[in-house]
């Protein structure tokens, strides 16, 4: 995909500012070599008793929670809702597939979601959400669906690795009704899953071009910066968008663009 000289200049300036202010951004988990360690490597959230919230994707429960994060984040609303929801599951040991296969548990979580969000918001330190934390009612059926598909999903991941082609995984995820709102399908957050797996080196053959998330926040930042990101409506255009972002930001992925609005407040 064509990259203009002006786009490259703008991207390099954004990277420069992003790395200067990396310690001011709760999601900028940048390593010693200015590499991105991944969102879930450290949520920069802690419980009142000092438990750090993070995911080790070699563990099945934590891998499951990565998919939960993507599902919750596929809804509208601030990114903090998904991070705090995953934290809620970790704190209360509701992070296993078997829990989410029980109809009674789904009903319980739906009924208690408002109170659960309030308690979780008060029990975590490290980041103050921009708005009140909310757990949407429509996420729970999607998590139940995820639990029913879990073994199959892991088979697809392994097949993608063996064939050195994670577009297989992307197309599989896109084909499932119900990972989005209502009966809708997931799209934009599929690269999030691959990015986090790549950052933790869980699979060897995930290409960086498949790992950038062109969500509304990223797309709007690109528009303001005159970086032309293709609109996404299907997997092929999603891959085009992800590839364009990766060609500009490399292994920082979409994070500098995601941080753009926050950086404006820090620079000025």
C-alpha atoms as a PDB file:
ATOM      1  CA  UNK A   1       0.000   0.000   0.000  1.00  0.00           C
ATOM      2  CA  UNK A   2       1.330   3.420  -0.969  1.00  0.00           C
ATOM      3  CA  UNK A   3       2.765   5.580   1.796  1.00  0.00           C
ATOM      4  CA  UNK A   4       3.266   9.256   1.021  1.00  0.00           C
ATOM      5  CA  UNK A   5       6.291  11.161   2.220  1.00  0.00           C
ATOM      6  CA  UNK A   6       4.033  13.469   4.219  1.00  0.00           C
ATOM      7  CA  UNK A   7       2.372  10.523   5.956  1.00  0.00           C
ATOM      8  CA  UNK A   8       5.792   9.195   6.909  1.00  0.00           C
ATOM      9  CA  UNK A   9       6.857  12.568   8.327  1.00  0.00           C
ATOM     10  CA  UNK A  10       3.657  12.880  10.372  1.00  0.00           C
ATOM     11  CA  UNK A  11       3.925   9.305  11.631  1.00  0.00           C
ATOM     12  CA  UNK A  12       7.551   9.781  12.697  1.00  0.00           C
ATOM     13  CA  UNK A  13       6.639  12.938  14.617  1.00  0.00           C
ATOM     14  CA  UNK A  14       3.779  11.124  16.337  1.00  0.00           C
ATOM     15  CA  UNK A  15       6.090   8.258  17.290  1.00  0.00           C
ATOM     16  CA  UNK A  16       8.592  10.770  18.690  1.00  0.00           C
ATOM     17  CA  UNK A  17       5.966  12.417  20.922  1.00  0.00           C
ATOM     18  CA  UNK A  18       4.452   9.079  21.896  1.00  0.00           C
ATOM     19  CA  UNK A  19       7.784   7.802  23.176  1.00  0.00           C
ATOM     20  CA  UNK A  20       8.484  11.052  25.045  1.00  0.00           C
ATOM     21  CA  UNK A  21       5.195  10.812  26.937  1.00  0.00           C
ATOM     22  CA  UNK A  22       4.973   7.001  27.165  1.00  0.00           C
ATOM     23  CA  UNK A  23       5.078   7.062  30.956  1.00  0.00           C
ATOM     24  CA  UNK A  24       2.030   9.331  31.041  1.00  0.00           C
ATOM     25  CA  UNK A  25      -0.128   6.901  29.081  1.00  0.00           C
ATOM     26  CA  UNK A  26      -1.613   3.960  31.045  1.00  0.00           C
ATOM     27  CA  UNK A  27      -1.733   1.706  27.977  1.00  0.00           C
ATOM     28  CA  UNK A  28       1.741   2.503  26.577  1.00  0.00           C
ATOM     29  CA  UNK A  29       3.597  -0.537  27.825  1.00  0.00           C
ATOM     30  CA  UNK A  30       6.899   0.304  26.166  1.00  0.00           C
ATOM     31  CA  UNK A  31       9.959  -1.854  26.788  1.00  0.00           C
ATOM     32  CA  UNK A  32      13.601  -0.905  27.194  1.00  0.00           C
ATOM     33  CA  UNK A  33      14.177  -0.873  23.435  1.00  0.00           C
ATOM     34  CA  UNK A  34      11.071   1.239  22.773  1.00  0.00           C
ATOM     35  CA  UNK A  35       9.185  -1.873  21.710  1.00  0.00           C
ATOM     36  CA  UNK A  36       5.534  -2.356  22.588  1.00  0.00           C
ATOM     37  CA  UNK A  37       5.037  -5.095  25.178  1.00  0.00           C
ATOM     38  CA  UNK A  38       1.303  -5.421  24.607  1.00  0.00           C
ATOM     39  CA  UNK A  39      -1.821  -4.057  26.244  1.00  0.00           C
ATOM     40  CA  UNK A  40      -2.471  -7.078  28.454  1.00  0.00           C
ATOM     41  CA  UNK A  41       1.160  -7.468  29.539  1.00  0.00           C
ATOM     42  CA  UNK A  42       0.259  -4.923  32.205  1.00  0.00           C
ATOM     43  CA  UNK A  43      -3.095  -3.183  32.575  1.00  0.00           C
ATOM     44  CA  UNK A  44      -1.424  -0.706  34.937  1.00  0.00           C
ATOM     45  CA  UNK A  45      -4.227  -1.477  37.347  1.00  0.00           C
ATOM     46  CA  UNK A  46      -3.808  -2.937  40.825  1.00  0.00           C
ATOM     47  CA  UNK A  47      -6.175  -4.128  43.505  1.00  0.00           C
ATOM     48  CA  UNK A  48      -6.168  -2.527  46.932  1.00  0.00           C
ATOM     49  CA  UNK A  49      -4.193  -5.511  48.250  1.00  0.00           C
ATOM     50  CA  UNK A  50      -1.488  -5.025  45.622  1.00  0.00           C
ATOM     51  CA  UNK A  51      -2.452  -7.576  42.966  1.00  0.00           C
ATOM     52  CA  UNK A  52      -1.307  -6.395  39.530  1.00  0.00           C
ATOM     53  CA  UNK A  53      -3.749  -6.969  36.690  1.00  0.00           C
ATOM     54  CA  UNK A  54      -2.086  -8.630  33.697  1.00  0.00           C
ATOM     55  CA  UNK A  55      -2.484 -11.636  31.421  1.00  0.00           C
ATOM     56  CA  UNK A  56      -0.002 -14.410  30.716  1.00  0.00           C
ATOM     57  CA  UNK A  57      -1.265 -15.732  27.395  1.00  0.00           C
ATOM     58  CA  UNK A  58       0.490 -19.067  27.806  1.00  0.00           C
ATOM     59  CA  UNK A  59      -2.198 -19.831  30.412  1.00  0.00           C
ATOM     60  CA  UNK A  60      -5.562 -20.997  29.112  1.00  0.00           C
ATOM     61  CA  UNK A  61      -7.637 -18.830  31.464  1.00  0.00           C
ATOM     62  CA  UNK A  62      -5.667 -15.722  30.547  1.00  0.00           C
ATOM     63  CA  UNK A  63      -5.920 -16.510  26.846  1.00  0.00           C
ATOM     64  CA  UNK A  64      -9.679 -16.816  27.293  1.00  0.00           C
ATOM     65  CA  UNK A  65      -9.710 -13.394  28.970  1.00  0.00           C
ATOM     66  CA  UNK A  66      -7.908 -11.863  25.984  1.00  0.00           C
ATOM     67  CA  UNK A  67     -10.861 -12.888  23.822  1.00  0.00           C
ATOM     68  CA  UNK A  68     -13.254 -11.550  26.469  1.00  0.00           C
ATOM     69  CA  UNK A  69     -11.388  -8.231  26.342  1.00  0.00           C
ATOM     70  CA  UNK A  70     -11.827  -8.074  22.570  1.00  0.00           C
ATOM     71  CA  UNK A  71     -15.521  -8.951  22.795  1.00  0.00           C
ATOM     72  CA  UNK A  72     -16.286  -6.323  25.425  1.00  0.00           C
ATOM     73  CA  UNK A  73     -14.203  -3.740  23.574  1.00  0.00           C
ATOM     74  CA  UNK A  74     -16.191  -4.454  20.408  1.00  0.00           C
ATOM     75  CA  UNK A  75     -19.048  -2.535  21.992  1.00  0.00           C
ATOM     76  CA  UNK A  76     -19.269   1.232  22.030  1.00  0.00           C
ATOM     77  CA  UNK A  77     -17.905   3.072  25.041  1.00  0.00           C
ATOM     78  CA  UNK A  78     -14.576   3.884  26.638  1.00  0.00           C
ATOM     79  CA  UNK A  79     -11.737   1.343  26.547  1.00  0.00           C
ATOM     80  CA  UNK A  80     -11.673   1.337  30.343  1.00  0.00           C
ATOM     81  CA  UNK A  81     -14.936  -0.645  30.452  1.00  0.00           C
ATOM     82  CA  UNK A  82     -13.266  -3.677  28.896  1.00  0.00           C
ATOM     83  CA  UNK A  83     -10.107  -3.410  31.026  1.00  0.00           C
ATOM     84  CA  UNK A  84     -12.090  -3.100  34.246  1.00  0.00           C
ATOM     85  CA  UNK A  85     -14.400  -5.951  33.277  1.00  0.00           C
ATOM     86  CA  UNK A  86     -11.489  -8.316  32.700  1.00  0.00           C
ATOM     87  CA  UNK A  87     -10.046  -7.118  36.013  1.00  0.00           C
ATOM     88  CA  UNK A  88     -13.367  -7.952  37.676  1.00  0.00           C
ATOM     89  CA  UNK A  89     -13.185 -11.497  36.339  1.00  0.00           C
ATOM     90  CA  UNK A  90      -9.615 -11.947  37.557  1.00  0.00           C
ATOM     91  CA  UNK A  91     -10.291 -10.554  41.035  1.00  0.00           C
ATOM     92  CA  UNK A  92     -13.364 -12.733  41.508  1.00  0.00           C
ATOM     93  CA  UNK A  93     -11.883 -15.858  39.880  1.00  0.00           C
ATOM     94  CA  UNK A  94     -14.517 -15.878  37.140  1.00  0.00           C
ATOM     95  CA  UNK A  95     -11.857 -16.252  34.478  1.00  0.00           C
ATOM     96  CA  UNK A  96     -12.431 -19.869  33.476  1.00  0.00           C
ATOM     97  CA  UNK A  97     -14.406 -21.285  30.579  1.00  0.00           C
ATOM     98  CA  UNK A  98     -16.495 -23.649  32.718  1.00  0.00           C
ATOM     99  CA  UNK A  99     -17.973 -20.746  34.708  1.00  0.00           C
ATOM    100  CA  UNK A 100     -19.296 -19.164  31.518  1.00  0.00           C
ATOM    101  CA  UNK A 101     -20.934 -22.349  30.282  1.00  0.00           C
ATOM    102  CA  UNK A 102     -23.480 -22.234  33.113  1.00  0.00           C
ATOM    103  CA  UNK A 103     -26.774 -20.509  32.290  1.00  0.00           C
ATOM    104  CA  UNK A 104     -27.308 -19.570  35.936  1.00  0.00           C
ATOM    105  CA  UNK A 105     -23.998 -17.734  36.019  1.00  0.00           C
ATOM    106  CA  UNK A 106     -24.886 -15.755  32.906  1.00  0.00           C
ATOM    107  CA  UNK A 107     -28.164 -14.681  34.499  1.00  0.00           C
ATOM    108  CA  UNK A 108     -26.405 -13.817  37.756  1.00  0.00           C
ATOM    109  CA  UNK A 109     -23.809 -11.656  36.022  1.00  0.00           C
ATOM    110  CA  UNK A 110     -26.449  -9.812  34.019  1.00  0.00           C
ATOM    111  CA  UNK A 111     -28.481  -9.051  37.114  1.00  0.00           C
ATOM    112  CA  UNK A 112     -25.476  -7.916  39.167  1.00  0.00           C
ATOM    113  CA  UNK A 113     -23.601  -6.038  36.434  1.00  0.00           C
ATOM    114  CA  UNK A 114     -24.283  -2.509  37.735  1.00  0.00           C
ATOM    115  CA  UNK A 115     -23.169  -3.331  41.254  1.00  0.00           C
ATOM    116  CA  UNK A 116     -20.194  -5.330  39.957  1.00  0.00           C
ATOM    117  CA  UNK A 117     -19.016  -2.346  37.929  1.00  0.00           C
ATOM    118  CA  UNK A 118     -19.292  -0.019  40.936  1.00  0.00           C
ATOM    119  CA  UNK A 119     -17.383  -2.352  43.242  1.00  0.00           C
ATOM    120  CA  UNK A 120     -14.662  -3.014  40.655  1.00  0.00           C
ATOM    121  CA  UNK A 121     -14.201   0.677  39.968  1.00  0.00           C
ATOM    122  CA  UNK A 122     -13.618   1.319  43.673  1.00  0.00           C
ATOM    123  CA  UNK A 123     -11.303  -1.663  44.165  1.00  0.00           C
ATOM    124  CA  UNK A 124      -8.718  -0.770  41.508  1.00  0.00           C
ATOM    125  CA  UNK A 125      -5.957   1.825  41.543  1.00  0.00           C
ATOM    126  CA  UNK A 126      -3.507   3.044  38.929  1.00  0.00           C
ATOM    127  CA  UNK A 127      -5.864   4.700  36.470  1.00  0.00           C
ATOM    128  CA  UNK A 128      -8.916   6.903  36.862  1.00  0.00           C
ATOM    129  CA  UNK A 129     -11.466   6.177  34.108  1.00  0.00           C
ATOM    130  CA  UNK A 130     -12.635   9.120  32.048  1.00  0.00           C
ATOM    131  CA  UNK A 131     -16.275   8.176  32.677  1.00  0.00           C
ATOM    132  CA  UNK A 132     -18.166   5.939  35.071  1.00  0.00           C
ATOM    133  CA  UNK A 133     -17.343   2.267  34.497  1.00  0.00           C
ATOM    134  CA  UNK A 134     -20.197   0.334  32.925  1.00  0.00           C
ATOM    135  CA  UNK A 135     -20.644  -3.376  32.152  1.00  0.00           C
ATOM    136  CA  UNK A 136     -23.094  -3.663  29.287  1.00  0.00           C
ATOM    137  CA  UNK A 137     -25.854  -6.241  29.549  1.00  0.00           C
ATOM    138  CA  UNK A 138     -25.250  -7.544  26.025  1.00  0.00           C
ATOM    139  CA  UNK A 139     -21.695  -8.787  26.657  1.00  0.00           C
ATOM    140  CA  UNK A 140     -22.667 -11.831  28.701  1.00  0.00           C
ATOM    141  CA  UNK A 141     -24.332 -13.856  25.973  1.00  0.00           C
ATOM    142  CA  UNK A 142     -21.298 -13.212  23.789  1.00  0.00           C
ATOM    143  CA  UNK A 143     -19.000 -14.565  26.501  1.00  0.00           C
ATOM    144  CA  UNK A 144     -21.207 -17.648  26.802  1.00  0.00           C
ATOM    145  CA  UNK A 145     -20.870 -18.096  23.040  1.00  0.00           C
ATOM    146  CA  UNK A 146     -17.097 -17.718  23.350  1.00  0.00           C
ATOM    147  CA  UNK A 147     -17.036 -20.462  25.982  1.00  0.00           C
ATOM    148  CA  UNK A 148     -18.977 -22.828  23.718  1.00  0.00           C
ATOM    149  CA  UNK A 149     -16.542 -22.146  20.861  1.00  0.00           C
ATOM    150  CA  UNK A 150     -13.386 -22.185  22.969  1.00  0.00           C
ATOM    151  CA  UNK A 151     -11.945 -25.564  22.021  1.00  0.00           C
ATOM    152  CA  UNK A 152     -12.665 -24.910  18.358  1.00  0.00           C
ATOM    153  CA  UNK A 153     -10.997 -21.498  18.518  1.00  0.00           C
ATOM    154  CA  UNK A 154      -7.803 -23.017  19.881  1.00  0.00           C
ATOM    155  CA  UNK A 155      -7.800 -25.570  17.072  1.00  0.00           C
ATOM    156  CA  UNK A 156      -8.119 -22.740  14.524  1.00  0.00           C
ATOM    157  CA  UNK A 157      -5.233 -20.858  16.145  1.00  0.00           C
ATOM    158  CA  UNK A 158      -3.044 -23.941  15.908  1.00  0.00           C
ATOM    159  CA  UNK A 159      -4.093 -24.546  12.295  1.00  0.00           C
ATOM    160  CA  UNK A 160      -3.194 -20.933  11.446  1.00  0.00           C
ATOM    161  CA  UNK A 161       0.234 -21.408  13.014  1.00  0.00           C
ATOM    162  CA  UNK A 162       0.864 -24.671  11.214  1.00  0.00           C
ATOM    163  CA  UNK A 163      -0.102 -23.141   7.869  1.00  0.00           C
ATOM    164  CA  UNK A 164       1.729 -19.885   8.692  1.00  0.00           C
ATOM    165  CA  UNK A 165      -1.397 -17.956   7.784  1.00  0.00           C
ATOM    166  CA  UNK A 166      -3.384 -16.173  10.501  1.00  0.00           C
ATOM    167  CA  UNK A 167      -5.858 -14.869   7.963  1.00  0.00           C
ATOM    168  CA  UNK A 168      -7.447 -18.292   8.574  1.00  0.00           C
ATOM    169  CA  UNK A 169      -8.090 -17.247  12.172  1.00  0.00           C
ATOM    170  CA  UNK A 170      -9.336 -13.801  11.149  1.00  0.00           C
ATOM    171  CA  UNK A 171     -11.852 -15.208   8.704  1.00  0.00           C
ATOM    172  CA  UNK A 172     -13.010 -17.785  11.235  1.00  0.00           C
ATOM    173  CA  UNK A 173     -13.640 -15.123  13.883  1.00  0.00           C
ATOM    174  CA  UNK A 174     -15.412 -12.896  11.384  1.00  0.00           C
ATOM    175  CA  UNK A 175     -17.743 -15.747  10.489  1.00  0.00           C
ATOM    176  CA  UNK A 176     -19.246 -16.102  13.975  1.00  0.00           C
ATOM    177  CA  UNK A 177     -22.530 -14.335  14.688  1.00  0.00           C
ATOM    178  CA  UNK A 178     -22.827 -13.006  18.229  1.00  0.00           C
ATOM    179  CA  UNK A 179     -19.342 -11.800  19.151  1.00  0.00           C
ATOM    180  CA  UNK A 180     -20.538  -8.281  18.377  1.00  0.00           C
ATOM    181  CA  UNK A 181     -23.656  -6.433  19.503  1.00  0.00           C
ATOM    182  CA  UNK A 182     -26.703  -8.691  19.347  1.00  0.00           C
ATOM    183  CA  UNK A 183     -26.215 -11.177  16.522  1.00  0.00           C
ATOM    184  CA  UNK A 184     -23.533  -9.096  14.845  1.00  0.00           C
ATOM    185  CA  UNK A 185     -20.042 -10.307  14.046  1.00  0.00           C
ATOM    186  CA  UNK A 186     -16.728  -9.087  15.390  1.00  0.00           C
ATOM    187  CA  UNK A 187     -14.413  -7.271  12.971  1.00  0.00           C
ATOM    188  CA  UNK A 188     -12.342  -4.317  14.144  1.00  0.00           C
ATOM    189  CA  UNK A 189     -11.009  -5.944  17.336  1.00  0.00           C
ATOM    190  CA  UNK A 190      -9.835  -9.183  15.680  1.00  0.00           C
ATOM    191  CA  UNK A 191      -6.328  -7.713  15.146  1.00  0.00           C
ATOM    192  CA  UNK A 192      -6.216  -6.865  18.871  1.00  0.00           C
ATOM    193  CA  UNK A 193      -6.168 -10.571  19.661  1.00  0.00           C
ATOM    194  CA  UNK A 194      -3.376 -11.245  17.176  1.00  0.00           C
ATOM    195  CA  UNK A 195      -1.360  -8.258  18.353  1.00  0.00           C
ATOM    196  CA  UNK A 196      -1.366  -9.378  21.952  1.00  0.00           C
ATOM    197  CA  UNK A 197      -0.447 -12.947  20.983  1.00  0.00           C
ATOM    198  CA  UNK A 198       2.401 -11.597  18.858  1.00  0.00           C
ATOM    199  CA  UNK A 199       3.669  -9.310  21.621  1.00  0.00           C
ATOM    200  CA  UNK A 200       3.950 -12.280  23.997  1.00  0.00           C
ATOM    201  CA  UNK A 201       5.481 -14.522  21.301  1.00  0.00           C
ATOM    202  CA  UNK A 202       2.790 -17.167  21.722  1.00  0.00           C
ATOM    203  CA  UNK A 203       2.881 -18.018  18.004  1.00  0.00           C
ATOM    204  CA  UNK A 204       5.813 -17.598  15.609  1.00  0.00           C
ATOM    205  CA  UNK A 205       3.969 -16.834  12.399  1.00  0.00           C
ATOM    206  CA  UNK A 206       1.642 -13.928  13.226  1.00  0.00           C
ATOM    207  CA  UNK A 207       2.492 -11.150  10.800  1.00  0.00           C
ATOM    208  CA  UNK A 208       2.603  -7.611  12.173  1.00  0.00           C
ATOM    209  CA  UNK A 209       0.523  -6.485   9.192  1.00  0.00           C
ATOM    210  CA  UNK A 210      -2.464  -8.298  10.728  1.00  0.00           C
ATOM    211  CA  UNK A 211      -2.109  -6.759  14.194  1.00  0.00           C
ATOM    212  CA  UNK A 212      -3.203  -3.117  14.000  1.00  0.00           C
ATOM    213  CA  UNK A 213      -6.654  -2.092  15.203  1.00  0.00           C
ATOM    214  CA  UNK A 214      -8.259   0.609  13.025  1.00  0.00           C
ATOM    215  CA  UNK A 215     -11.051   1.448  15.463  1.00  0.00           C
ATOM    216  CA  UNK A 216     -12.907   4.755  15.487  1.00  0.00           C
ATOM    217  CA  UNK A 217     -10.370   6.429  17.746  1.00  0.00           C
ATOM    218  CA  UNK A 218      -7.469   5.367  15.512  1.00  0.00           C
ATOM    219  CA  UNK A 219      -9.327   6.203  12.308  1.00  0.00           C
ATOM    220  CA  UNK A 220     -10.259   9.674  13.564  1.00  0.00           C
ATOM    221  CA  UNK A 221      -6.659  10.357  14.576  1.00  0.00           C
ATOM    222  CA  UNK A 222      -5.481   9.340  11.120  1.00  0.00           C
ATOM    223  CA  UNK A 223      -8.057  11.615   9.515  1.00  0.00           C
ATOM    224  CA  UNK A 224      -6.931  14.595  11.605  1.00  0.00           C
ATOM    225  CA  UNK A 225      -3.288  13.876  10.769  1.00  0.00           C
ATOM    226  CA  UNK A 226      -4.019  13.354   7.058  1.00  0.00           C
ATOM    227  CA  UNK A 227      -3.002   9.702   7.234  1.00  0.00           C
ATOM    228  CA  UNK A 228      -5.363   7.894   4.892  1.00  0.00           C
ATOM    229  CA  UNK A 229      -6.539   4.700   6.560  1.00  0.00           C
ATOM    230  CA  UNK A 230      -8.865   2.569   4.390  1.00  0.00           C
ATOM    231  CA  UNK A 231     -12.343   2.169   5.786  1.00  0.00           C
ATOM    232  CA  UNK A 232     -13.107  -1.294   7.098  1.00  0.00           C
ATOM    233  CA  UNK A 233     -16.246  -3.213   6.245  1.00  0.00           C
ATOM    234  CA  UNK A 234     -14.881  -6.679   5.726  1.00  0.00           C
ATOM    235  CA  UNK A 235     -11.789  -8.729   6.483  1.00  0.00           C
ATOM    236  CA  UNK A 236      -9.941  -7.744   3.310  1.00  0.00           C
ATOM    237  CA  UNK A 237     -10.307  -4.013   3.984  1.00  0.00           C
ATOM    238  CA  UNK A 238      -9.462  -4.591   7.639  1.00  0.00           C
ATOM    239  CA  UNK A 239      -6.197  -6.205   6.541  1.00  0.00           C
ATOM    240  CA  UNK A 240      -5.497  -3.277   4.195  1.00  0.00           C
ATOM    241  CA  UNK A 241      -6.048  -0.815   7.043  1.00  0.00           C
ATOM    242  CA  UNK A 242      -3.911  -2.812   9.458  1.00  0.00           C
ATOM    243  CA  UNK A 243      -1.137  -3.136   6.886  1.00  0.00           C
ATOM    244  CA  UNK A 244      -1.125   0.622   6.248  1.00  0.00           C
ATOM    245  CA  UNK A 245      -0.843   1.385   9.958  1.00  0.00           C
ATOM    246  CA  UNK A 246       1.902  -1.200  10.458  1.00  0.00           C
ATOM    247  CA  UNK A 247       3.893   0.175   7.537  1.00  0.00           C
ATOM    248  CA  UNK A 248       3.973   3.566   9.302  1.00  0.00           C
ATOM    249  CA  UNK A 249       4.337   2.560  12.955  1.00  0.00           C
ATOM    250  CA  UNK A 250       5.900  -0.902  12.856  1.00  0.00           C
ATOM    251  CA  UNK A 251       5.907  -2.801  16.133  1.00  0.00           C
ATOM    252  CA  UNK A 252       4.248   0.099  17.934  1.00  0.00           C
ATOM    253  CA  UNK A 253       1.188  -0.946  15.913  1.00  0.00           C
ATOM    254  CA  UNK A 254      -1.812   1.389  16.193  1.00  0.00           C
ATOM    255  CA  UNK A 255      -0.931   2.589  19.698  1.00  0.00           C
ATOM    256  CA  UNK A 256       0.560   6.000  18.734  1.00  0.00           C
ATOM    257  CA  UNK A 257      -2.592   6.784  16.751  1.00  0.00           C
ATOM    258  CA  UNK A 258      -4.754   5.522  19.614  1.00  0.00           C
ATOM    259  CA  UNK A 259      -2.820   7.847  21.930  1.00  0.00           C
ATOM    260  CA  UNK A 260      -3.087  10.891  19.666  1.00  0.00           C
ATOM    261  CA  UNK A 261      -5.904  12.656  21.538  1.00  0.00           C
ATOM    262  CA  UNK A 262      -4.213  12.046  24.880  1.00  0.00           C
ATOM    263  CA  UNK A 263      -0.903  13.297  23.494  1.00  0.00           C
ATOM    264  CA  UNK A 264      -2.481  16.578  22.359  1.00  0.00           C
ATOM    265  CA  UNK A 265      -3.315  17.346  25.971  1.00  0.00           C
ATOM    266  CA  UNK A 266       0.181  16.449  27.131  1.00  0.00           C
ATOM    267  CA  UNK A 267       2.076  18.380  24.462  1.00  0.00           C
ATOM    268  CA  UNK A 268       0.110  21.622  24.846  1.00  0.00           C
END
